[in-house]
Protein backbone atom coordinates (compact mmCIF):
# COMPACT_ATOMS: atom_id res chain seq x y z
CA MET A 1 -164.34 -138.18 179.37
CA PRO A 2 -165.72 -135.36 181.57
CA VAL A 3 -167.44 -132.43 179.88
CA ALA A 4 -167.57 -128.80 180.88
CA GLU A 5 -170.52 -127.90 183.11
CA ASN A 6 -171.54 -124.33 183.80
CA TYR A 7 -174.23 -123.01 186.15
CA SER A 8 -175.57 -119.53 185.44
CA LYS A 9 -177.90 -117.26 187.38
CA TRP A 10 -178.72 -113.79 186.16
CA TYR A 11 -181.31 -111.05 186.26
CA SER A 12 -183.48 -111.28 183.15
CA PRO A 13 -184.74 -107.91 181.90
CA ASN A 14 -187.41 -109.69 179.89
CA LEU A 15 -188.78 -111.54 182.93
CA ASP A 16 -187.95 -108.78 185.45
CA GLN A 17 -186.61 -111.48 187.77
CA GLU A 18 -183.70 -113.86 188.16
CA THR A 19 -183.48 -117.00 186.06
CA GLN A 20 -181.13 -119.99 186.07
CA MET A 21 -179.57 -122.30 183.53
CA MET A 22 -177.10 -125.17 183.34
CA SER A 23 -175.01 -125.81 180.24
CA PHE A 24 -173.00 -128.88 179.25
CA GLY A 25 -170.22 -129.14 176.70
CA GLU A 26 -167.63 -127.00 175.01
CA GLY A 27 -168.95 -126.72 171.47
CA GLY A 28 -171.21 -128.06 168.80
CA VAL A 29 -174.77 -127.15 167.83
CA PRO A 30 -176.69 -125.64 170.76
CA LEU A 31 -179.58 -127.76 172.09
CA ILE A 32 -182.03 -125.84 174.29
CA LEU A 33 -183.90 -128.26 176.59
CA PHE A 34 -187.15 -127.04 178.13
CA PRO A 35 -188.49 -128.56 181.38
CA THR A 36 -191.90 -130.20 181.71
CA SER A 37 -194.88 -128.56 183.45
CA MET A 38 -193.74 -126.22 186.23
CA GLY A 39 -190.22 -127.69 186.12
CA GLY A 40 -186.95 -125.88 186.66
CA TYR A 41 -183.58 -125.84 184.93
CA ASN A 42 -182.41 -128.93 186.85
CA GLN A 43 -185.29 -131.21 185.88
CA ASN A 44 -183.89 -132.61 182.64
CA ILE A 45 -180.63 -133.22 184.49
CA ASP A 46 -182.18 -134.93 187.50
CA PHE A 47 -184.33 -137.24 185.34
CA GLY A 48 -181.40 -138.36 183.20
CA LEU A 49 -182.21 -136.67 179.90
CA VAL A 50 -178.83 -134.94 179.73
CA GLY A 51 -177.02 -138.10 180.80
CA ALA A 52 -178.75 -140.04 178.04
CA ILE A 53 -177.08 -137.88 175.38
CA TYR A 54 -173.72 -137.54 177.13
CA PRO A 55 -171.78 -139.16 174.24
CA PHE A 56 -172.84 -136.40 171.84
CA ILE A 57 -171.87 -133.71 174.35
CA ALA A 58 -168.48 -135.32 175.05
CA ALA A 59 -167.81 -135.64 171.31
CA GLY A 60 -168.41 -131.91 170.83
CA LYS A 61 -171.43 -132.46 168.58
CA VAL A 62 -173.90 -130.58 170.78
CA LYS A 63 -173.80 -128.12 173.63
CA VAL A 64 -176.83 -128.49 175.90
CA TYR A 65 -178.57 -125.60 177.65
CA CYS A 66 -181.07 -126.59 180.36
CA VAL A 67 -183.25 -123.54 180.89
CA ASP A 68 -185.60 -122.58 183.70
CA GLY A 69 -189.35 -122.57 183.23
CA ILE A 70 -191.93 -120.06 184.47
CA ASP A 71 -195.12 -122.13 184.00
CA LYS A 72 -196.10 -121.36 187.60
CA GLN A 73 -196.34 -117.70 186.59
CA SER A 74 -197.97 -118.26 183.21
CA PHE A 75 -200.05 -121.27 182.22
CA TYR A 76 -200.58 -122.59 185.75
CA ALA A 77 -200.98 -119.25 187.57
CA TYR A 78 -204.75 -119.53 187.85
CA ASP A 79 -204.92 -116.81 190.49
CA ILE A 80 -204.11 -114.07 187.96
CA HIS A 81 -205.99 -112.89 184.85
CA PRO A 82 -205.45 -114.98 181.70
CA ALA A 83 -204.19 -111.91 179.81
CA HIS A 84 -201.44 -111.48 182.40
CA ARG A 85 -200.58 -115.19 182.30
CA ILE A 86 -200.11 -115.31 178.52
CA HIS A 87 -198.17 -112.03 178.72
CA ASN A 88 -195.77 -113.69 181.16
CA HIS A 89 -195.27 -116.53 178.70
CA ILE A 90 -194.49 -114.07 175.89
CA CYS A 91 -191.84 -112.48 178.14
CA TYR A 92 -190.40 -115.98 178.65
CA ASP A 93 -190.31 -116.58 174.89
CA ARG A 94 -188.43 -113.30 174.47
CA MET A 95 -186.01 -114.24 177.26
CA ILE A 96 -185.12 -117.48 175.49
CA LEU A 97 -184.76 -115.74 172.14
CA GLU A 98 -182.69 -112.78 173.26
CA GLU A 99 -180.81 -113.96 176.33
CA VAL A 100 -180.31 -117.71 175.92
CA LEU A 101 -179.89 -117.85 172.14
CA GLY A 102 -177.66 -114.80 172.30
CA ARG A 103 -175.39 -116.55 174.75
CA ALA A 104 -175.46 -119.79 172.74
CA TYR A 105 -174.38 -117.86 169.66
CA ASP A 106 -171.50 -116.22 171.53
CA GLU A 107 -170.32 -119.57 172.93
CA THR A 108 -170.70 -121.78 169.85
CA GLY A 109 -170.87 -119.47 166.81
CA HIS A 110 -174.10 -121.16 165.67
CA THR A 111 -176.93 -118.80 164.74
CA ARG A 112 -179.54 -121.58 164.58
CA VAL A 113 -180.23 -123.93 167.46
CA MET A 114 -182.00 -127.18 168.26
CA VAL A 115 -184.85 -127.12 170.78
CA GLY A 116 -186.30 -130.05 172.66
CA GLY A 117 -188.50 -131.07 175.54
CA CYS A 118 -190.78 -133.71 177.01
CA SER A 119 -194.50 -133.41 177.76
CA PHE A 120 -195.22 -129.67 178.24
CA GLY A 121 -191.57 -129.06 177.45
CA GLY A 122 -192.45 -130.49 174.04
CA TYR A 123 -195.04 -127.73 173.68
CA HIS A 124 -192.43 -125.11 174.56
CA ALA A 125 -189.98 -126.55 172.02
CA VAL A 126 -192.57 -126.71 169.23
CA ASN A 127 -194.05 -123.29 169.91
CA PHE A 128 -190.64 -121.62 170.14
CA GLY A 129 -189.45 -123.32 166.97
CA PHE A 130 -192.58 -122.46 165.03
CA ARG A 131 -192.51 -118.84 166.20
CA HIS A 132 -188.83 -118.44 165.29
CA PRO A 133 -188.14 -120.76 162.34
CA ASP A 134 -185.26 -118.56 161.21
CA ARG A 135 -183.40 -119.33 164.47
CA VAL A 136 -184.25 -123.03 164.93
CA ARG A 137 -182.84 -125.87 162.84
CA GLU A 138 -184.35 -128.88 164.67
CA ILE A 139 -187.35 -129.44 166.93
CA ILE A 140 -187.45 -132.55 169.11
CA SER A 141 -190.71 -133.01 171.00
CA MET A 142 -191.39 -136.12 173.08
CA GLY A 143 -194.88 -136.68 174.44
CA GLY A 144 -195.86 -133.08 173.74
CA ALA A 145 -199.32 -131.49 173.88
CA PHE A 146 -199.88 -128.44 171.72
CA ASP A 147 -203.29 -126.85 172.40
CA ILE A 148 -203.01 -124.31 175.22
CA LYS A 149 -206.68 -123.25 175.17
CA GLN A 150 -207.25 -125.77 177.96
CA PHE A 151 -205.40 -123.44 180.34
CA PHE A 152 -207.53 -120.36 179.71
CA TYR A 153 -211.11 -121.56 180.28
CA GLY A 154 -212.69 -119.66 177.40
CA TYR A 155 -210.43 -116.61 177.39
CA TYR A 156 -209.01 -116.05 173.91
CA SER A 157 -206.90 -113.27 172.42
CA ASP A 158 -204.29 -112.66 169.74
CA ASP A 159 -201.62 -113.50 172.32
CA VAL A 160 -203.21 -116.89 173.00
CA TYR A 161 -203.71 -117.50 169.28
CA PHE A 162 -200.09 -116.75 168.36
CA ASN A 163 -198.83 -119.13 171.04
CA ASN A 164 -201.19 -121.97 170.15
CA PRO A 165 -199.52 -124.00 167.37
CA VAL A 166 -202.63 -125.93 166.33
CA ASP A 167 -204.35 -122.59 165.63
CA TYR A 168 -201.74 -120.42 163.98
CA MET A 169 -200.23 -123.26 161.95
CA SER A 170 -203.67 -124.21 160.61
CA ASN A 171 -204.03 -120.69 159.22
CA MET A 172 -200.46 -120.18 158.02
CA HIS A 173 -200.35 -119.53 154.26
CA ASP A 174 -197.34 -117.23 153.75
CA PRO A 175 -195.16 -118.99 151.12
CA GLU A 176 -191.99 -117.23 152.31
CA LEU A 177 -192.61 -118.35 155.87
CA LEU A 178 -193.37 -121.87 154.73
CA LYS A 179 -189.95 -121.99 153.06
CA GLN A 180 -188.33 -121.49 156.47
CA PHE A 181 -190.18 -124.53 157.81
CA HIS A 182 -188.73 -126.62 155.00
CA ARG A 183 -185.25 -125.83 156.35
CA MET A 184 -186.14 -127.19 159.78
CA GLY A 185 -186.24 -130.76 161.08
CA ILE A 186 -189.41 -131.50 163.08
CA ILE A 187 -189.72 -134.64 165.20
CA LEU A 188 -192.93 -135.38 167.11
CA GLY A 189 -192.18 -138.39 169.29
CA THR A 190 -195.09 -140.27 170.84
CA GLY A 191 -196.20 -143.82 171.59
CA HIS A 192 -199.24 -146.06 171.59
CA GLU A 193 -199.58 -145.67 175.38
CA ASP A 194 -198.81 -141.93 175.43
CA ILE A 195 -201.61 -139.82 176.94
CA CYS A 196 -200.66 -137.11 174.41
CA ARG A 197 -200.67 -139.41 171.38
CA GLN A 198 -203.68 -137.77 169.74
CA ASP A 199 -202.16 -134.30 170.22
CA ASN A 200 -199.16 -135.42 168.18
CA HIS A 201 -201.25 -136.89 165.39
CA ARG A 202 -203.39 -133.76 165.30
CA LEU A 203 -200.36 -131.51 164.87
CA ALA A 204 -198.79 -133.92 162.36
CA ASP A 205 -201.99 -133.77 160.31
CA ILE A 206 -201.88 -129.96 160.29
CA LEU A 207 -198.25 -129.97 159.17
CA GLY A 208 -199.00 -132.57 156.51
CA ARG A 209 -201.82 -130.49 155.05
CA LYS A 210 -199.39 -127.56 154.81
CA GLY A 211 -196.78 -129.71 153.08
CA ILE A 212 -194.31 -129.14 155.94
CA PRO A 213 -191.81 -132.02 156.30
CA HIS A 214 -191.95 -133.70 159.69
CA TRP A 215 -191.71 -137.10 161.38
CA CYS A 216 -194.41 -138.28 163.76
CA ASP A 217 -192.69 -141.22 165.45
CA ASP A 218 -195.46 -143.31 167.04
CA ARG A 219 -193.84 -146.17 168.96
CA PRO A 220 -195.54 -149.40 170.09
CA GLY A 221 -195.23 -150.10 173.80
CA THR A 222 -194.21 -146.52 174.57
CA GLY A 223 -195.93 -144.31 177.13
CA HIS A 224 -195.58 -140.93 178.75
CA ASP A 225 -192.58 -141.03 181.08
CA TRP A 226 -188.86 -140.40 181.38
CA PRO A 227 -187.52 -143.90 180.58
CA TRP A 228 -189.03 -143.71 177.08
CA TRP A 229 -188.02 -140.09 176.57
CA ARG A 230 -184.39 -140.83 177.41
CA VAL A 231 -184.28 -143.52 174.71
CA MET A 232 -186.09 -141.29 172.21
CA LEU A 233 -183.79 -138.32 172.66
CA PHE A 234 -180.66 -140.42 172.23
CA GLU A 235 -181.99 -142.04 169.06
CA TYR A 236 -183.28 -138.79 167.57
CA LEU A 237 -180.05 -136.95 168.29
CA ASP A 238 -178.05 -139.83 166.85
CA LEU A 239 -179.96 -139.48 163.57
CA ILE A 240 -179.52 -135.71 163.54
CA VAL A 241 -175.78 -135.87 164.26
CA ARG A 242 -175.27 -138.50 161.56
CA ARG A 243 -177.07 -136.26 159.10
CA MET A 244 -174.95 -133.27 160.11
CA ASP A 245 -171.79 -135.33 159.59
CA ASP A 246 -172.77 -136.46 156.05
């Protein structure tokens, strides 16, 4: 059964430039999929991630939004000052929050979304979810890495701190904020052959010490590439949809 597909291109006031997005489905819980390092809106489509979860889209359980990335202007833009690079990322975070989530709400009626991504897209999903726990109901990271200090070569500021999950989550003590994390599903998918395996266990340890429910799924024989991520996303989404249906 074919599903609705919609390509969008618009001027983003938060980014002060055009951005693109592809959406799939007619209804259900919104799932925002972030691309990997320096990827665009079409990456998760081209590498089969959307196709892997087609049954859930066709059944009206989820509506998928494949968003553009701006890593080339933020984390990987080594020709500009680090303060400018992290500022660009903050503008991107605001674009997702205000422009993409706003549209998802209008189209589906859901005020809380799922976010997901592979590799550096896993970072984007985790960081966005942790920064906006009131707007995110599920985080699905596959092969993510979560310490962005590696990109800034010694530069450190409040903006870097508040976009570095292993830092701000380590120091998070607000009981009211912690309650919001208990309402959210957090999946950190990794594997024994994943180059980011230790990053996932490090973040899982931080969450565990805070008493935040999460699942660090560490799979034997699993590495850091699309064939594993396609299987992971289908299985994770299957569990989430079954839980929603109960």
